[in-house]
Amino acid sequence: MNAPSNRMPTLFVPHGAGPCFFMDWDPVDAWDRMRAYLENIATTLPERPGAILVISGHWLEANVRVTAHPHPSLIFDYHGFPEHTYRLSYPAPGEPVLADTVVALLHEAGIPAEGDPARGIDHGVFVPLKLMFPEADIPVVQLSLRRDLDAQAHLDLGRALAPLRDRGVLIIGSGMSFHNMRGYRDPRFTPISEQFDAWLADTVTSPGAEREAALRDWAQAPSARLCHPPRAEEHLLPLLVAAGAAGESTGRRTFSDRVMETALSGFQFG
C-alpha cells in the first residue's frame, strides 16, 4: 500500500552547540550551512505540520514523559554563553490534547508514559525550531528519552508514535550525530567522525528491518564509542526514535558538514 501523499516524514536534525546560531562564533561561518539547512526544512515537507513532536537529547527520565503545558516556558539548559542568549524567545503554544494522544499511543504499545504539566521545552527544541519555524505558531510538544539509553526501547518508542505521521504531526529527533565533547576542535577526530558518519548514512538508507537491526546494535559500528562515549549516547538516540517512527519509509541523509573538525549530519525518513 502506498503511503498517503500528505504523510509527514520523520527527521533527525543536528541542533548545534547551545545557542550557536544566535551569537558570534570562531570561525564566524562555522554554523552557516547548518543554519541554512534548518531554515530550509519547512519547504521540503508535504504540507504545514498541524503540530510538532520533538525528542531532544537533553531530557531523560526513568519512564517517558511528555510536555503537557498549554504555554511551555523555555529551559535555558546551556552554560557560559553570552547574556543575550538567555533572553531568546520561542512562544509556540503547547498542545495538551496531543500530549494525551502520545501517552495513549505509548500505553497501547505497553510503554509506561505520562504527561508533565509543568516542564518547559529545552534548547534542543527551541534552538532548531527558531530556524525551522520562526513564526512559533505551530503547537510544540516535547518527548523525553529513557534514562536507561536502551537502543531497542527507543526504536520501539518511535514505532508506537508512527500513527501521528498521518495526523499532521511532524516528529523530529533533535541531537548530534557526533557528540564526544573531547573530540570537537581536535583534528584527530575528523577521520573518526567521518567513519561513523558514513556508517550512519549507509544504515539510514537500508530497508526498514535491516536499518532497525543495525541501529539496535549501533555501538558495534566503526568508531561508534569514540563518537558517542558509553552512557553519553543521548544525542544519538533521537535518531533511533525517528527511525522507529519511520517504519518502512525510505531514509536518506539530507545534510552533511564538517564543524569544529567533526562530521555532522541530518537525516530524513519518508
Protein backbone atom coordinates (compact mmCIF):
# COMPACT_ATOMS: atom_id res chain seq x y z
CA MET A 1 0.00 0.00 0.00
CA ASN A 2 1.35 3.43 -0.93
CA ALA A 3 1.80 5.96 1.86
CA PRO A 4 -0.65 8.88 1.91
CA SER A 5 0.79 11.81 -0.06
CA ASN A 6 0.49 14.07 2.96
CA ARG A 7 2.09 11.68 5.45
CA MET A 8 4.69 13.58 7.42
CA PRO A 9 8.30 12.44 7.23
CA THR A 10 10.32 11.96 10.39
CA LEU A 11 13.52 13.90 10.89
CA PHE A 12 16.78 13.77 12.77
CA VAL A 13 18.35 17.23 12.91
CA PRO A 14 21.59 18.44 14.48
CA HIS A 15 20.81 21.24 16.92
CA GLY A 16 24.29 22.72 17.11
CA ALA A 17 26.18 23.83 20.20
CA GLY A 18 23.96 25.62 22.69
CA PRO A 19 22.63 28.85 21.12
CA CYS A 20 25.37 28.83 18.46
CA PHE A 21 23.17 30.23 15.67
CA PHE A 22 22.34 33.35 17.68
CA MET A 23 25.80 34.54 18.73
CA ASP A 24 29.27 35.22 17.37
CA TRP A 25 31.44 32.16 16.80
CA ASP A 26 35.02 31.46 15.78
CA PRO A 27 35.20 30.91 12.88
CA VAL A 28 32.29 33.18 12.09
CA ASP A 29 30.81 30.89 9.42
CA ALA A 30 31.07 27.64 11.43
CA TRP A 31 27.31 27.10 11.68
CA ASP A 32 26.18 28.82 8.46
CA ARG A 33 25.50 25.65 6.48
CA MET A 34 23.65 24.01 9.35
CA ARG A 35 21.58 27.17 9.82
CA ALA A 36 20.68 27.18 6.12
CA TYR A 37 19.71 23.51 6.29
CA LEU A 38 17.40 24.07 9.25
CA GLU A 39 15.88 27.19 7.70
CA ASN A 40 15.01 25.25 4.54
CA ILE A 41 13.37 22.21 6.12
CA ALA A 42 9.82 23.61 6.11
CA THR A 43 9.95 23.89 2.30
CA THR A 44 10.64 20.15 1.98
CA LEU A 45 7.51 18.99 3.85
CA PRO A 46 4.35 17.78 2.09
CA GLU A 47 2.29 20.34 4.00
CA ARG A 48 2.47 22.61 7.00
CA PRO A 49 2.50 20.50 10.19
CA GLY A 50 -0.50 20.71 12.45
CA ALA A 51 1.78 20.09 15.42
CA ILE A 52 5.40 19.20 16.13
CA LEU A 53 6.67 16.46 18.45
CA VAL A 54 10.36 16.82 19.33
CA ILE A 55 12.59 14.26 21.01
CA SER A 56 15.63 16.11 22.34
CA GLY A 57 18.87 14.69 23.65
CA HIS A 58 18.51 16.99 26.68
CA TRP A 59 15.62 15.34 28.54
CA LEU A 60 16.00 11.93 30.13
CA GLU A 61 13.56 10.29 32.54
CA ALA A 62 13.22 6.83 34.08
CA ASN A 63 9.93 6.46 32.18
CA VAL A 64 8.87 8.50 29.19
CA ARG A 65 7.32 11.89 29.89
CA VAL A 66 5.56 14.32 27.58
CA THR A 67 5.19 18.07 27.99
CA ALA A 68 1.53 18.94 28.57
CA HIS A 69 1.57 22.64 29.39
CA PRO A 70 -0.53 24.80 27.03
CA HIS A 71 2.14 27.53 27.07
CA PRO A 72 5.52 25.89 27.77
CA SER A 73 8.36 28.00 29.08
CA LEU A 74 11.92 27.80 27.76
CA ILE A 75 14.61 25.92 29.66
CA PHE A 76 18.00 27.56 29.07
CA ASP A 77 19.99 24.42 29.76
CA TYR A 78 23.29 25.67 28.39
CA HIS A 79 26.06 27.38 30.30
CA GLY A 80 28.72 30.01 29.73
CA PHE A 81 27.19 31.70 26.70
CA PRO A 82 26.56 35.45 26.15
CA GLU A 83 23.90 37.04 28.30
CA HIS A 84 21.60 37.82 25.39
CA THR A 85 21.27 34.12 24.56
CA TYR A 86 19.37 33.66 27.81
CA ARG A 87 16.74 36.09 26.54
CA LEU A 88 15.84 34.18 23.38
CA SER A 89 12.15 33.61 22.92
CA TYR A 90 10.04 30.99 21.21
CA PRO A 91 6.40 31.45 22.26
CA ALA A 92 4.94 28.47 20.42
CA PRO A 93 1.88 27.03 22.16
CA GLY A 94 1.86 23.59 23.68
CA GLU A 95 -0.79 21.03 22.83
CA PRO A 96 -2.15 19.10 25.83
CA VAL A 97 -4.50 17.09 23.59
CA LEU A 98 -1.53 15.85 21.54
CA ALA A 99 0.33 15.07 24.75
CA ASP A 100 -2.61 12.90 25.85
CA THR A 101 -2.63 11.18 22.45
CA VAL A 102 1.09 10.46 22.70
CA VAL A 103 0.66 8.94 26.17
CA ALA A 104 -2.26 6.82 24.91
CA LEU A 105 -0.27 5.52 21.93
CA LEU A 106 2.63 4.59 24.20
CA HIS A 107 0.34 2.85 26.67
CA GLU A 108 -1.21 0.86 23.81
CA ALA A 109 2.31 -0.32 22.98
CA GLY A 110 2.97 -1.27 26.60
CA ILE A 111 5.36 1.62 27.19
CA PRO A 112 5.00 3.46 30.54
CA ALA A 113 4.49 7.17 29.94
CA GLU A 114 2.82 10.18 31.49
CA GLY A 115 2.21 13.83 30.76
CA ASP A 116 4.23 16.52 32.51
CA PRO A 117 2.07 19.63 33.02
CA ALA A 118 4.91 21.75 34.38
CA ARG A 119 8.04 21.20 32.28
CA GLY A 120 9.01 23.61 29.51
CA ILE A 121 10.96 22.91 26.31
CA ASP A 122 14.76 22.79 26.34
CA HIS A 123 17.26 24.23 23.89
CA GLY A 124 17.35 21.01 21.89
CA VAL A 125 13.81 22.01 20.93
CA PHE A 126 13.60 25.79 20.74
CA VAL A 127 17.01 26.47 19.17
CA PRO A 128 16.43 24.46 15.96
CA LEU A 129 12.73 25.37 15.83
CA LYS A 130 13.57 29.08 15.87
CA LEU A 131 15.22 28.45 12.50
CA MET A 132 12.83 25.84 11.12
CA PHE A 133 9.55 27.54 12.07
CA PRO A 134 10.46 31.07 13.18
CA GLU A 135 6.85 32.25 13.46
CA ALA A 136 6.42 29.99 16.52
CA ASP A 137 2.77 29.46 15.60
CA ILE A 138 2.70 25.65 15.40
CA PRO A 139 1.97 23.77 18.65
CA VAL A 140 5.03 22.02 20.08
CA VAL A 141 5.22 19.02 22.41
CA GLN A 142 8.47 17.52 23.72
CA LEU A 143 9.02 13.86 24.49
CA SER A 144 11.74 12.63 26.83
CA LEU A 145 14.24 9.88 26.24
CA ARG A 146 14.53 6.96 28.64
CA ARG A 147 17.37 7.26 31.10
CA ASP A 148 18.42 3.65 30.52
CA LEU A 149 19.53 4.66 26.98
CA ASP A 150 18.37 1.29 25.64
CA ALA A 151 18.53 1.30 21.84
CA GLN A 152 15.70 -1.15 21.19
CA ALA A 153 13.44 0.66 23.64
CA HIS A 154 13.87 3.89 21.69
CA LEU A 155 13.19 2.19 18.37
CA ASP A 156 10.03 0.77 19.95
CA LEU A 157 9.13 4.20 21.24
CA GLY A 158 9.29 5.60 17.73
CA ARG A 159 7.26 2.74 16.30
CA ALA A 160 4.45 3.47 18.75
CA LEU A 161 4.38 7.08 17.58
CA ALA A 162 4.16 6.27 13.86
CA PRO A 163 0.37 6.85 13.58
CA LEU A 164 0.94 10.53 14.34
CA ARG A 165 2.53 10.96 10.90
CA ASP A 166 -0.90 10.53 9.28
CA ARG A 167 -2.42 13.09 11.66
CA GLY A 168 -0.30 16.03 10.54
CA VAL A 169 2.30 15.71 13.30
CA LEU A 170 5.94 16.24 12.39
CA ILE A 171 8.22 14.02 14.51
CA ILE A 172 11.70 15.48 14.97
CA GLY A 173 14.64 13.83 16.67
CA SER A 174 17.00 16.60 17.79
CA GLY A 175 20.56 15.72 18.73
CA MET A 176 24.00 15.42 17.16
CA SER A 177 25.39 12.60 15.02
CA PHE A 178 28.75 13.16 16.76
CA HIS A 179 28.78 14.11 20.44
CA ASN A 180 32.08 13.43 22.16
CA MET A 181 32.84 16.71 23.87
CA ARG A 182 36.57 15.91 23.90
CA GLY A 183 36.57 15.44 20.14
CA TYR A 184 35.32 18.82 18.99
CA ARG A 185 38.10 21.01 17.56
CA ASP A 186 40.52 18.06 17.63
CA PRO A 187 41.62 17.12 14.08
CA ARG A 188 42.37 13.58 15.24
CA PHE A 189 38.61 13.10 15.44
CA THR A 190 37.95 14.12 11.84
CA PRO A 191 38.52 10.63 10.34
CA ILE A 192 36.89 9.02 13.38
CA SER A 193 33.71 11.07 13.00
CA GLU A 194 33.69 10.58 9.23
CA GLN A 195 33.90 6.80 9.62
CA PHE A 196 30.90 6.65 11.94
CA ASP A 197 29.01 9.22 9.88
CA ALA A 198 29.46 7.11 6.74
CA TRP A 199 28.09 4.10 8.61
CA LEU A 200 25.08 6.12 9.74
CA ALA A 201 24.38 7.30 6.20
CA ASP A 202 24.54 3.74 4.84
CA THR A 203 22.39 2.43 7.68
CA VAL A 204 19.68 5.07 7.29
CA THR A 205 19.26 4.17 3.60
CA SER A 206 18.83 0.46 4.36
CA PRO A 207 15.38 -1.23 4.23
CA GLY A 208 13.34 -0.83 7.41
CA ALA A 209 14.04 -4.16 9.14
CA GLU A 210 17.73 -4.12 8.23
CA ARG A 211 18.01 -0.50 9.34
CA GLU A 212 16.40 -1.22 12.69
CA ALA A 213 18.68 -4.20 13.36
CA ALA A 214 21.77 -2.12 12.62
CA LEU A 215 20.62 0.80 14.76
CA ARG A 216 19.79 -1.53 17.63
CA ASP A 217 23.46 -2.58 17.57
CA TRP A 218 24.83 0.86 16.72
CA ALA A 219 27.54 0.62 19.39
CA GLN A 220 29.25 -2.08 17.28
CA ALA A 221 29.62 0.31 14.33
CA PRO A 222 33.06 1.64 13.34
CA SER A 223 34.30 4.25 15.84
CA ALA A 224 30.84 4.36 17.46
CA ARG A 225 32.04 4.66 21.04
CA LEU A 226 34.63 7.28 20.13
CA CYS A 227 31.80 9.41 18.71
CA HIS A 228 29.29 8.66 21.47
CA PRO A 229 31.10 7.56 24.65
CA PRO A 230 29.45 4.97 26.92
CA ARG A 231 26.46 6.32 28.85
CA ALA A 232 26.62 9.53 26.79
CA GLU A 233 24.69 8.49 23.69
CA GLU A 234 21.67 10.65 24.47
CA HIS A 235 22.36 12.84 21.41
CA LEU A 236 22.17 9.84 19.06
CA LEU A 237 19.03 8.21 20.47
CA PRO A 238 16.62 10.77 18.95
CA LEU A 239 17.71 9.35 15.59
CA LEU A 240 16.53 5.91 16.71
CA VAL A 241 13.14 7.29 17.71
CA ALA A 242 12.79 8.97 14.32
CA ALA A 243 13.82 5.73 12.58
CA GLY A 244 11.35 3.70 14.63
CA ALA A 245 8.53 6.07 13.67
CA ALA A 246 9.58 5.79 10.03
CA GLY A 247 8.64 2.12 9.69
CA GLU A 248 9.38 1.09 6.10
CA SER A 249 9.75 4.68 4.86
CA THR A 250 12.92 5.31 2.92
CA GLY A 251 15.69 7.12 4.75
CA ARG A 252 18.36 9.43 3.42
CA ARG A 253 21.00 11.86 4.57
CA THR A 254 19.79 15.41 3.93
CA PHE A 255 22.65 17.38 5.46
CA SER A 256 26.36 16.87 5.98
CA ASP A 257 29.09 19.27 7.06
CA ARG A 258 32.34 19.40 8.99
CA VAL A 259 32.11 21.64 12.05
CA MET A 260 34.82 22.00 14.69
CA GLU A 261 36.82 19.26 12.91
CA THR A 262 33.99 16.71 13.08
CA ALA A 263 31.46 15.35 10.58
CA LEU A 264 27.85 16.20 11.42
CA SER A 265 24.75 15.06 9.54
CA GLY A 266 20.99 15.30 9.38
CA PHE A 267 18.58 12.63 8.13
CA GLN A 268 15.02 12.28 6.88
CA PHE A 269 12.72 9.28 6.60
CA GLY A 270 9.85 9.43 4.13
